[in-house]
C-alpha atoms as a PDB file:
ATOM      1  CA  MET A   1       0.000   0.000   0.000  1.00  0.00           C
ATOM      2  CA  ASN A   2       1.273   3.415  -0.910  1.00  0.00           C
ATOM      3  CA  ARG A   3       1.038   6.600   1.138  1.00  0.00           C
ATOM      4  CA  GLN A   4      -2.196   7.675  -0.588  1.00  0.00           C
ATOM      5  CA  ASP A   5      -3.886   4.420   0.392  1.00  0.00           C
ATOM      6  CA  TYR A   6      -2.888   4.915   4.050  1.00  0.00           C
ATOM      7  CA  GLU A   7      -4.213   8.461   3.974  1.00  0.00           C
ATOM      8  CA  GLN A   8      -7.548   7.234   2.563  1.00  0.00           C
ATOM      9  CA  LEU A   9      -7.773   4.576   5.310  1.00  0.00           C
ATOM     10  CA  ASP A  10      -6.937   7.170   7.969  1.00  0.00           C
ATOM     11  CA  THR A  11      -9.570   9.514   6.586  1.00  0.00           C
ATOM     12  CA  GLY A  12     -12.159   6.715   6.582  1.00  0.00           C
ATOM     13  CA  ALA A  13     -11.309   5.760  10.163  1.00  0.00           C
ATOM     14  CA  ARG A  14     -11.648   9.358  11.283  1.00  0.00           C
ATOM     15  CA  SER A  15     -14.976   9.554   9.489  1.00  0.00           C
ATOM     16  CA  ILE A  16     -16.253   6.412  11.213  1.00  0.00           C
ATOM     17  CA  LEU A  17     -15.000   7.693  14.583  1.00  0.00           C
ATOM     18  CA  ALA A  18     -16.695  11.060  14.039  1.00  0.00           C
ATOM     19  CA  SER A  19     -19.924   9.335  13.045  1.00  0.00           C
ATOM     20  CA  ARG A  20     -19.845   7.145  16.157  1.00  0.00           C
ATOM     21  CA  THR A  21     -19.102  10.194  18.306  1.00  0.00           C
ATOM     22  CA  ILE A  22     -22.141  11.959  16.873  1.00  0.00           C
ATOM     23  CA  TRP A  23     -24.351   8.924  17.575  1.00  0.00           C
ATOM     24  CA  VAL A  24     -23.021   8.546  21.122  1.00  0.00           C
ATOM     25  CA  SER A  25     -23.571  12.270  21.743  1.00  0.00           C
ATOM     26  CA  ALA A  26     -27.100  11.987  20.352  1.00  0.00           C
ATOM     27  CA  LEU A  27     -27.872   8.996  22.583  1.00  0.00           C
ATOM     28  CA  ILE A  28     -26.625  10.928  25.617  1.00  0.00           C
ATOM     29  CA  ALA A  29     -28.503  14.079  24.659  1.00  0.00           C
ATOM     30  CA  LEU A  30     -31.795  12.342  23.818  1.00  0.00           C
ATOM     31  CA  PRO A  31     -32.916  11.509  27.396  1.00  0.00           C
ATOM     32  CA  ILE A  32     -31.819  14.970  28.538  1.00  0.00           C
ATOM     33  CA  MET A  33     -33.896  16.605  25.807  1.00  0.00           C
ATOM     34  CA  VAL A  34     -36.886  14.380  26.616  1.00  0.00           C
ATOM     35  CA  TYR A  35     -36.617  15.390  30.276  1.00  0.00           C
ATOM     36  CA  VAL A  36     -36.180  19.106  29.585  1.00  0.00           C
ATOM     37  CA  PHE A  37     -38.794  19.492  26.842  1.00  0.00           C
ATOM     38  CA  ILE A  38     -41.384  16.832  27.772  1.00  0.00           C
ATOM     39  CA  VAL A  39     -41.094  15.597  31.369  1.00  0.00           C
ATOM     40  CA  LEU A  40     -40.069  18.815  33.146  1.00  0.00           C
ATOM     41  CA  PRO A  41     -42.864  20.978  31.693  1.00  0.00           C
ATOM     42  CA  MET A  42     -45.379  18.437  33.012  1.00  0.00           C
ATOM     43  CA  TYR A  43     -44.151  19.003  36.567  1.00  0.00           C
ATOM     44  CA  SER A  44     -43.027  22.623  36.500  1.00  0.00           C
ATOM     45  CA  PRO A  45     -45.176  25.283  38.170  1.00  0.00           C
ATOM     46  CA  PRO A  46     -47.451  26.970  35.658  1.00  0.00           C
ATOM     47  CA  LEU A  47     -46.663  30.559  34.790  1.00  0.00           C
ATOM     48  CA  VAL A  48     -49.762  31.925  36.474  1.00  0.00           C
ATOM     49  CA  GLU A  49     -50.646  35.069  38.352  1.00  0.00           C
ATOM     50  CA  LEU A  50     -52.465  34.237  41.550  1.00  0.00           C
ATOM     51  CA  PRO A  51     -55.267  36.521  42.695  1.00  0.00           C
ATOM     52  CA  SER A  52     -54.572  39.037  45.447  1.00  0.00           C
ATOM     53  CA  LEU A  53     -54.365  37.224  48.773  1.00  0.00           C
ATOM     54  CA  VAL A  54     -56.627  37.939  51.731  1.00  0.00           C
ATOM     55  CA  LYS A  55     -54.900  39.697  54.615  1.00  0.00           C
ATOM     56  CA  TYR A  56     -57.764  39.796  57.106  1.00  0.00           C
ATOM     57  CA  ASP A  57     -61.079  37.982  57.320  1.00  0.00           C
ATOM     58  CA  VAL A  58     -63.933  37.687  59.808  1.00  0.00           C
ATOM     59  CA  TRP A  59     -65.740  34.396  60.348  1.00  0.00           C
ATOM     60  CA  GLU A  60     -68.692  33.537  62.561  1.00  0.00           C
ATOM     61  CA  PRO A  61     -68.652  29.819  63.464  1.00  0.00           C
ATOM     62  CA  GLN A  62     -71.841  27.779  63.466  1.00  0.00           C
ATOM     63  CA  HIS A  63     -70.307  24.568  64.808  1.00  0.00           C
ATOM     64  CA  GLU A  64     -70.537  22.735  68.116  1.00  0.00           C
ATOM     65  CA  ARG A  65     -66.767  22.657  68.502  1.00  0.00           C
ATOM     66  CA  LEU A  66     -63.719  24.361  67.037  1.00  0.00           C
ATOM     67  CA  ILE A  67     -60.473  22.384  66.835  1.00  0.00           C
ATOM     68  CA  LEU A  68     -57.497  24.745  66.567  1.00  0.00           C
ATOM     69  CA  VAL A  69     -54.425  22.818  65.426  1.00  0.00           C
ATOM     70  CA  GLY A  70     -50.803  23.961  65.721  1.00  0.00           C
ATOM     71  CA  ASP A  71     -48.126  23.588  63.049  1.00  0.00           C
ATOM     72  CA  VAL A  72     -48.748  20.253  61.288  1.00  0.00           C
ATOM     73  CA  HIS A  73     -45.842  20.617  58.819  1.00  0.00           C
ATOM     74  CA  GLY A  74     -46.914  17.738  56.609  1.00  0.00           C
ATOM     75  CA  CYS A  75     -47.275  15.220  59.470  1.00  0.00           C
ATOM     76  CA  PHE A  76     -50.458  13.678  58.115  1.00  0.00           C
ATOM     77  CA  ASP A  77     -50.520  10.508  60.250  1.00  0.00           C
ATOM     78  CA  GLN A  78     -50.097  12.495  63.457  1.00  0.00           C
ATOM     79  CA  LEU A  79     -52.886  14.860  62.404  1.00  0.00           C
ATOM     80  CA  MET A  80     -55.216  11.906  61.883  1.00  0.00           C
ATOM     81  CA  ARG A  81     -54.272  10.457  65.294  1.00  0.00           C
ATOM     82  CA  LEU A  82     -54.889  13.812  66.948  1.00  0.00           C
ATOM     83  CA  LEU A  83     -58.323  14.107  65.351  1.00  0.00           C
ATOM     84  CA  ASP A  84     -59.140  10.557  66.443  1.00  0.00           C
ATOM     85  CA  THR A  85     -58.108  11.487  69.979  1.00  0.00           C
ATOM     86  CA  VAL A  86     -60.617  14.340  70.100  1.00  0.00           C
ATOM     87  CA  HIS A  87     -63.301  12.219  68.361  1.00  0.00           C
ATOM     88  CA  TYR A  88     -63.505  14.623  65.429  1.00  0.00           C
ATOM     89  CA  ASP A  89     -66.893  14.682  63.689  1.00  0.00           C
ATOM     90  CA  ASN A  90     -66.985  16.678  60.451  1.00  0.00           C
ATOM     91  CA  THR A  91     -70.732  17.235  60.791  1.00  0.00           C
ATOM     92  CA  THR A  92     -70.431  19.135  64.084  1.00  0.00           C
ATOM     93  CA  ASP A  93     -66.765  20.185  64.354  1.00  0.00           C
ATOM     94  CA  LYS A  94     -64.637  22.680  62.440  1.00  0.00           C
ATOM     95  CA  VAL A  95     -60.871  22.335  62.188  1.00  0.00           C
ATOM     96  CA  VAL A  96     -58.872  25.572  62.188  1.00  0.00           C
ATOM     97  CA  LEU A  97     -55.282  25.180  60.973  1.00  0.00           C
ATOM     98  CA  LEU A  98     -52.955  27.789  62.474  1.00  0.00           C
ATOM     99  CA  GLY A  99     -50.587  27.928  59.505  1.00  0.00           C
ATOM    100  CA  ASP A 100     -47.510  25.950  58.410  1.00  0.00           C
ATOM    101  CA  PHE A 101     -49.577  22.847  57.839  1.00  0.00           C
ATOM    102  CA  LEU A 102     -47.445  22.210  54.722  1.00  0.00           C
ATOM    103  CA  SER A 103     -43.674  21.714  54.212  1.00  0.00           C
ATOM    104  CA  ARG A 104     -40.864  19.957  56.097  1.00  0.00           C
ATOM    105  CA  GLY A 105     -42.810  16.795  57.021  1.00  0.00           C
ATOM    106  CA  PRO A 106     -43.318  13.544  55.082  1.00  0.00           C
ATOM    107  CA  ASP A 107     -46.814  14.028  53.635  1.00  0.00           C
ATOM    108  CA  SER A 108     -47.706  17.638  52.894  1.00  0.00           C
ATOM    109  CA  LEU A 109     -49.859  16.596  49.942  1.00  0.00           C
ATOM    110  CA  GLY A 110     -51.842  14.273  52.207  1.00  0.00           C
ATOM    111  CA  VAL A 111     -52.462  17.125  54.640  1.00  0.00           C
ATOM    112  CA  MET A 112     -53.362  19.419  51.740  1.00  0.00           C
ATOM    113  CA  LYS A 113     -55.885  16.944  50.307  1.00  0.00           C
ATOM    114  CA  TRP A 114     -57.470  16.293  53.697  1.00  0.00           C
ATOM    115  CA  ALA A 115     -57.760  20.000  54.590  1.00  0.00           C
ATOM    116  CA  ARG A 116     -59.396  20.809  51.263  1.00  0.00           C
ATOM    117  CA  GLU A 117     -61.840  17.892  51.325  1.00  0.00           C
ATOM    118  CA  ALA A 118     -62.731  18.450  54.989  1.00  0.00           C
ATOM    119  CA  ASN A 119     -63.183  22.180  54.255  1.00  0.00           C
ATOM    120  CA  ALA A 120     -60.956  23.061  57.201  1.00  0.00           C
ATOM    121  CA  THR A 121     -60.443  26.753  57.709  1.00  0.00           C
ATOM    122  CA  GLY A 122     -57.381  28.501  59.077  1.00  0.00           C
ATOM    123  CA  VAL A 123     -54.620  30.943  58.201  1.00  0.00           C
ATOM    124  CA  LEU A 124     -51.614  30.993  55.915  1.00  0.00           C
ATOM    125  CA  GLY A 125     -48.222  30.490  57.504  1.00  0.00           C
ATOM    126  CA  ASN A 126     -44.881  31.571  56.119  1.00  0.00           C
ATOM    127  CA  HIS A 127     -44.383  28.145  54.511  1.00  0.00           C
ATOM    128  CA  GLU A 128     -47.691  28.309  52.633  1.00  0.00           C
ATOM    129  CA  LEU A 129     -46.715  31.778  51.399  1.00  0.00           C
ATOM    130  CA  ASN A 130     -43.369  30.402  50.218  1.00  0.00           C
ATOM    131  CA  ILE A 131     -45.082  27.554  48.376  1.00  0.00           C
ATOM    132  CA  LEU A 132     -47.585  29.872  46.682  1.00  0.00           C
ATOM    133  CA  SER A 133     -44.745  32.085  45.486  1.00  0.00           C
ATOM    134  CA  LYS A 134     -42.867  29.078  44.124  1.00  0.00           C
ATOM    135  CA  TYR A 135     -46.047  27.826  42.461  1.00  0.00           C
ATOM    136  CA  GLN A 136     -46.088  30.966  40.351  1.00  0.00           C
ATOM    137  CA  SER A 137     -42.373  30.681  39.545  1.00  0.00           C
ATOM    138  CA  PHE A 138     -41.084  32.825  42.424  1.00  0.00           C
ATOM    139  CA  ARG A 139     -43.061  35.870  41.389  1.00  0.00           C
ATOM    140  CA  PRO A 140     -44.072  38.158  44.301  1.00  0.00           C
ATOM    141  CA  LEU A 141     -47.430  37.576  45.968  1.00  0.00           C
ATOM    142  CA  MET A 142     -49.792  40.527  46.123  1.00  0.00           C
ATOM    143  CA  PHE A 143     -52.222  41.096  48.981  1.00  0.00           C
ATOM    144  CA  GLU A 144     -55.531  42.910  48.763  1.00  0.00           C
ATOM    145  CA  ASP A 145     -54.047  45.910  50.585  1.00  0.00           C
ATOM    146  CA  GLU A 146     -51.246  45.973  47.972  1.00  0.00           C
ATOM    147  CA  GLU A 147     -48.522  44.720  50.307  1.00  0.00           C
ATOM    148  CA  VAL A 148     -46.085  42.503  48.399  1.00  0.00           C
ATOM    149  CA  PHE A 149     -44.488  39.278  49.657  1.00  0.00           C
ATOM    150  CA  LYS A 150     -41.292  38.631  47.755  1.00  0.00           C
ATOM    151  CA  LEU A 151     -39.311  35.421  48.006  1.00  0.00           C
ATOM    152  CA  ASP A 152     -35.601  35.070  47.315  1.00  0.00           C
ATOM    153  CA  LYS A 153     -35.283  32.907  44.203  1.00  0.00           C
ATOM    154  CA  HIS A 154     -32.159  31.125  45.463  1.00  0.00           C
ATOM    155  CA  VAL A 155     -32.952  27.499  46.307  1.00  0.00           C
ATOM    156  CA  GLY A 156     -30.857  24.555  47.387  1.00  0.00           C
ATOM    157  CA  LYS A 157     -30.098  21.408  45.437  1.00  0.00           C
ATOM    158  CA  TYR A 158     -33.392  19.905  46.616  1.00  0.00           C
ATOM    159  CA  ASP A 159     -36.166  22.295  47.534  1.00  0.00           C
ATOM    160  CA  ASN A 160     -38.990  20.485  49.313  1.00  0.00           C
ATOM    161  CA  GLU A 161     -41.393  23.406  48.939  1.00  0.00           C
ATOM    162  CA  LEU A 162     -40.741  23.670  45.213  1.00  0.00           C
ATOM    163  CA  GLN A 163     -41.542  19.965  44.852  1.00  0.00           C
ATOM    164  CA  ILE A 164     -44.802  20.488  46.757  1.00  0.00           C
ATOM    165  CA  ALA A 165     -45.678  23.527  44.625  1.00  0.00           C
ATOM    166  CA  ARG A 166     -45.218  21.516  41.438  1.00  0.00           C
ATOM    167  CA  LYS A 167     -47.687  18.875  42.617  1.00  0.00           C
ATOM    168  CA  LEU A 168     -50.500  21.154  43.804  1.00  0.00           C
ATOM    169  CA  THR A 169     -53.761  20.845  41.897  1.00  0.00           C
ATOM    170  CA  PRO A 170     -55.913  23.806  40.816  1.00  0.00           C
ATOM    171  CA  GLU A 171     -58.311  22.780  43.600  1.00  0.00           C
ATOM    172  CA  ASP A 172     -55.470  22.977  46.136  1.00  0.00           C
ATOM    173  CA  ILE A 173     -54.521  26.456  44.950  1.00  0.00           C
ATOM    174  CA  HIS A 174     -58.134  27.627  45.067  1.00  0.00           C
ATOM    175  CA  TYR A 175     -58.299  26.436  48.666  1.00  0.00           C
ATOM    176  CA  LEU A 176     -55.037  28.076  49.725  1.00  0.00           C
ATOM    177  CA  VAL A 177     -55.661  31.506  48.210  1.00  0.00           C
ATOM    178  CA  ARG A 178     -58.936  31.778  50.117  1.00  0.00           C
ATOM    179  CA  LEU A 179     -57.176  31.492  53.488  1.00  0.00           C
ATOM    180  CA  PRO A 180     -56.323  34.810  55.166  1.00  0.00           C
ATOM    181  CA  VAL A 181     -53.204  35.736  57.094  1.00  0.00           C
ATOM    182  CA  VAL A 182     -55.297  36.907  60.046  1.00  0.00           C
ATOM    183  CA  LEU A 183     -58.661  35.305  60.856  1.00  0.00           C
ATOM    184  CA  ASN A 184     -61.036  36.930  63.319  1.00  0.00           C
ATOM    185  CA  ILE A 185     -63.322  34.228  64.718  1.00  0.00           C
ATOM    186  CA  LYS A 186     -66.274  36.100  66.165  1.00  0.00           C
ATOM    187  CA  GLY A 187     -66.813  35.457  69.859  1.00  0.00           C
ATOM    188  CA  VAL A 188     -63.618  33.370  70.104  1.00  0.00           C
ATOM    189  CA  GLY A 189     -60.444  35.251  69.175  1.00  0.00           C
ATOM    190  CA  ILE A 190     -57.866  35.992  66.500  1.00  0.00           C
ATOM    191  CA  CYS A 191     -55.886  33.386  64.552  1.00  0.00           C
ATOM    192  CA  SER A 192     -52.561  34.489  63.102  1.00  0.00           C
ATOM    193  CA  HIS A 193     -49.705  32.090  62.437  1.00  0.00           C
ATOM    194  CA  MET A 194     -46.936  34.453  63.551  1.00  0.00           C
ATOM    195  CA  GLY A 195     -48.873  36.361  66.198  1.00  0.00           C
ATOM    196  CA  VAL A 196     -49.756  40.038  65.884  1.00  0.00           C
ATOM    197  CA  VAL A 197     -47.967  43.369  65.976  1.00  0.00           C
ATOM    198  CA  GLU A 198     -49.769  45.197  68.762  1.00  0.00           C
ATOM    199  CA  SER A 199     -49.003  48.641  67.325  1.00  0.00           C
ATOM    200  CA  GLN A 200     -50.947  47.797  64.139  1.00  0.00           C
ATOM    201  CA  PRO A 201     -54.734  47.344  63.884  1.00  0.00           C
ATOM    202  CA  LEU A 202     -55.705  43.674  63.622  1.00  0.00           C
ATOM    203  CA  ASP A 203     -57.185  44.238  60.171  1.00  0.00           C
ATOM    204  CA  LYS A 204     -54.059  46.008  58.910  1.00  0.00           C
ATOM    205  CA  GLN A 205     -51.218  43.718  59.965  1.00  0.00           C
ATOM    206  CA  GLN A 206     -48.168  43.783  57.673  1.00  0.00           C
ATOM    207  CA  VAL A 207     -46.719  40.400  56.719  1.00  0.00           C
ATOM    208  CA  SER A 208     -43.204  41.833  56.566  1.00  0.00           C
ATOM    209  CA  ASP A 209     -43.533  42.907  60.211  1.00  0.00           C
ATOM    210  CA  LEU A 210     -45.076  39.608  61.261  1.00  0.00           C
ATOM    211  CA  LEU A 211     -42.144  37.715  59.746  1.00  0.00           C
ATOM    212  CA  ALA A 212     -39.774  39.785  61.873  1.00  0.00           C
ATOM    213  CA  MET A 213     -41.636  39.084  65.118  1.00  0.00           C
ATOM    214  CA  ASP A 214     -39.751  38.052  68.244  1.00  0.00           C
ATOM    215  CA  LYS A 215     -40.856  34.797  69.859  1.00  0.00           C
ATOM    216  CA  ASP A 216     -41.584  36.645  73.124  1.00  0.00           C
ATOM    217  CA  TRP A 217     -44.040  39.090  71.543  1.00  0.00           C
ATOM    218  CA  TYR A 218     -46.881  37.655  73.626  1.00  0.00           C
ATOM    219  CA  HIS A 219     -45.571  39.110  76.900  1.00  0.00           C
ATOM    220  CA  SER A 220     -46.404  42.694  75.967  1.00  0.00           C
ATOM    221  CA  TRP A 221     -49.621  41.575  74.245  1.00  0.00           C
ATOM    222  CA  ASN A 222     -50.919  39.990  77.447  1.00  0.00           C
ATOM    223  CA  GLN A 223     -49.953  43.046  79.455  1.00  0.00           C
ATOM    224  CA  LEU A 224     -51.750  45.299  76.985  1.00  0.00           C
ATOM    225  CA  GLN A 225     -54.972  43.271  77.101  1.00  0.00           C
ATOM    226  CA  LYS A 226     -55.178  43.588  80.861  1.00  0.00           C
ATOM    227  CA  THR A 227     -55.347  47.382  80.494  1.00  0.00           C
ATOM    228  CA  LEU A 228     -58.269  47.305  78.052  1.00  0.00           C
ATOM    229  CA  PRO A 229     -62.003  47.112  78.789  1.00  0.00           C
ATOM    230  CA  LYS A 230     -63.091  43.468  78.746  1.00  0.00           C
ATOM    231  CA  HIS A 231     -65.146  43.839  75.569  1.00  0.00           C
ATOM    232  CA  GLU A 232     -62.050  45.070  73.711  1.00  0.00           C
ATOM    233  CA  ARG A 233     -59.708  42.272  74.748  1.00  0.00           C
ATOM    234  CA  ASN A 234     -58.628  39.611  72.244  1.00  0.00           C
ATOM    235  CA  VAL A 235     -57.063  36.188  72.544  1.00  0.00           C
ATOM    236  CA  ILE A 236     -54.494  35.380  69.847  1.00  0.00           C
ATOM    237  CA  TYR A 237     -54.120  31.765  68.664  1.00  0.00           C
ATOM    238  CA  TYR A 238     -50.848  31.226  66.838  1.00  0.00           C
ATOM    239  CA  GLY A 239     -48.013  28.825  65.924  1.00  0.00           C
ATOM    240  CA  HIS A 240     -44.658  29.434  64.220  1.00  0.00           C
ATOM    241  CA  PHE A 241     -42.332  29.503  67.243  1.00  0.00           C
ATOM    242  CA  ALA A 242     -41.367  25.840  67.571  1.00  0.00           C
ATOM    243  CA  ARG A 243     -38.391  26.551  69.817  1.00  0.00           C
ATOM    244  CA  ALA A 244     -40.608  28.315  72.328  1.00  0.00           C
ATOM    245  CA  GLY A 245     -42.845  25.252  72.535  1.00  0.00           C
ATOM    246  CA  LEU A 246     -46.376  25.261  73.865  1.00  0.00           C
ATOM    247  CA  GLN A 247     -47.231  28.701  75.277  1.00  0.00           C
ATOM    248  CA  LEU A 248     -50.688  28.950  76.815  1.00  0.00           C
ATOM    249  CA  LYS A 249     -51.292  32.375  78.371  1.00  0.00           C
ATOM    250  CA  LYS A 250     -54.562  34.106  79.157  1.00  0.00           C
ATOM    251  CA  TYR A 251     -54.649  36.220  75.987  1.00  0.00           C
ATOM    252  CA  SER A 252     -52.295  34.249  73.739  1.00  0.00           C
ATOM    253  CA  LYS A 253     -52.159  30.550  72.908  1.00  0.00           C
ATOM    254  CA  GLY A 254     -49.051  29.305  71.110  1.00  0.00           C
ATOM    255  CA  LEU A 255     -49.677  25.811  69.732  1.00  0.00           C
ATOM    256  CA  ASP A 256     -46.494  24.962  67.834  1.00  0.00           C
ATOM    257  CA  SER A 257     -45.089  22.091  69.884  1.00  0.00           C
ATOM    258  CA  SER A 258     -42.471  20.877  67.364  1.00  0.00           C
ATOM    259  CA  CYS A 259     -44.247  17.864  65.893  1.00  0.00           C
ATOM    260  CA  VAL A 260     -42.053  17.760  62.787  1.00  0.00           C
ATOM    261  CA  TYR A 261     -38.968  17.727  65.035  1.00  0.00           C
ATOM    262  CA  GLY A 262     -40.201  14.811  67.138  1.00  0.00           C
ATOM    263  CA  GLY A 263     -42.198  16.773  69.709  1.00  0.00           C
ATOM    264  CA  GLN A 264     -45.994  16.771  69.904  1.00  0.00           C
ATOM    265  CA  LEU A 265     -48.869  17.885  67.705  1.00  0.00           C
ATOM    266  CA  SER A 266     -51.228  20.033  69.749  1.00  0.00           C
ATOM    267  CA  CYS A 267     -54.751  21.339  69.434  1.00  0.00           C
ATOM    268  CA  LEU A 268     -57.208  23.307  71.504  1.00  0.00           C
ATOM    269  CA  VAL A 269     -60.802  22.141  71.386  1.00  0.00           C
ATOM    270  CA  ILE A 270     -63.163  25.050  72.047  1.00  0.00           C
ATOM    271  CA  ASP A 271     -66.741  24.208  72.949  1.00  0.00           C
ATOM    272  CA  LYS A 272     -69.678  26.511  72.278  1.00  0.00           C
ATOM    273  CA  ASP A 273     -69.611  27.716  75.885  1.00  0.00           C
ATOM    274  CA  GLY A 274     -65.977  28.816  75.433  1.00  0.00           C
ATOM    275  CA  THR A 275     -64.404  25.954  77.369  1.00  0.00           C
ATOM    276  CA  GLU A 276     -60.921  25.153  76.026  1.00  0.00           C
ATOM    277  CA  THR A 277     -59.318  21.718  76.290  1.00  0.00           C
ATOM    278  CA  LEU A 278     -55.756  20.919  75.233  1.00  0.00           C
ATOM    279  CA  HIS A 279     -55.023  17.656  73.400  1.00  0.00           C
ATOM    280  CA  GLN A 280     -51.676  16.344  72.163  1.00  0.00           C
ATOM    281  CA  VAL A 281     -50.200  13.312  70.419  1.00  0.00           C
ATOM    282  CA  ASP A 282     -46.550  12.342  70.311  1.00  0.00           C
ATOM    283  CA  CYS A 283     -44.723  12.697  67.034  1.00  0.00           C
END
């Protein structure tokens, strides 16, 4: 074989190698393209604008009992055990979730489905606000009073709340956006996941200020209530402060008892005559 023949063979070999490289690259790229252009869009949050969220709402209960539940954080089995403990009856009882019922725990979607189907009422916690923002691709949430809740777009390698947001149904979203941040239950008290800023009217609380609240806010709140005429006093039912644990004062009831961290899940059962009974299950 002369030099020209060797050059032709070398060119042919390079051609075959290039062809194989292209095929290998295509085989590697194909599943990535399928995931990016077919699978991922099926699970990505829709580019939607949520309606303005409710900041403050007033509700007059018509039920025999109210069951106010502290931070569930996706602990569905414990929630079911707690409701069994209090002999929950959906025809006569109303469950009030004090926020942060989603995120962190093992079965947020189970809690979400139950809350929606049971028509539980309650308030939005900071984790529900995070999830709603992530549902609409990290765009800021707007409240009816034009306050804006903006979430930092930076997320870790695995973002549990983003995964929850991607799996929420339209029915779930419709349920969540109807929940207020502050719920005034007539004749009972005020529900607010993070407590209240006493210098602001109850119907004009600012989420940004609530998020900055100190865990010991209730001390001054209880002192303030004692100075008011009895008909102006309010009891605040809240969660959020897991490290503080159960905090039951005369005018403030903190019900986050760290279930998702292995503590307890707590609820207050309030009868029509105003009698309150604490119930807990171990987590």
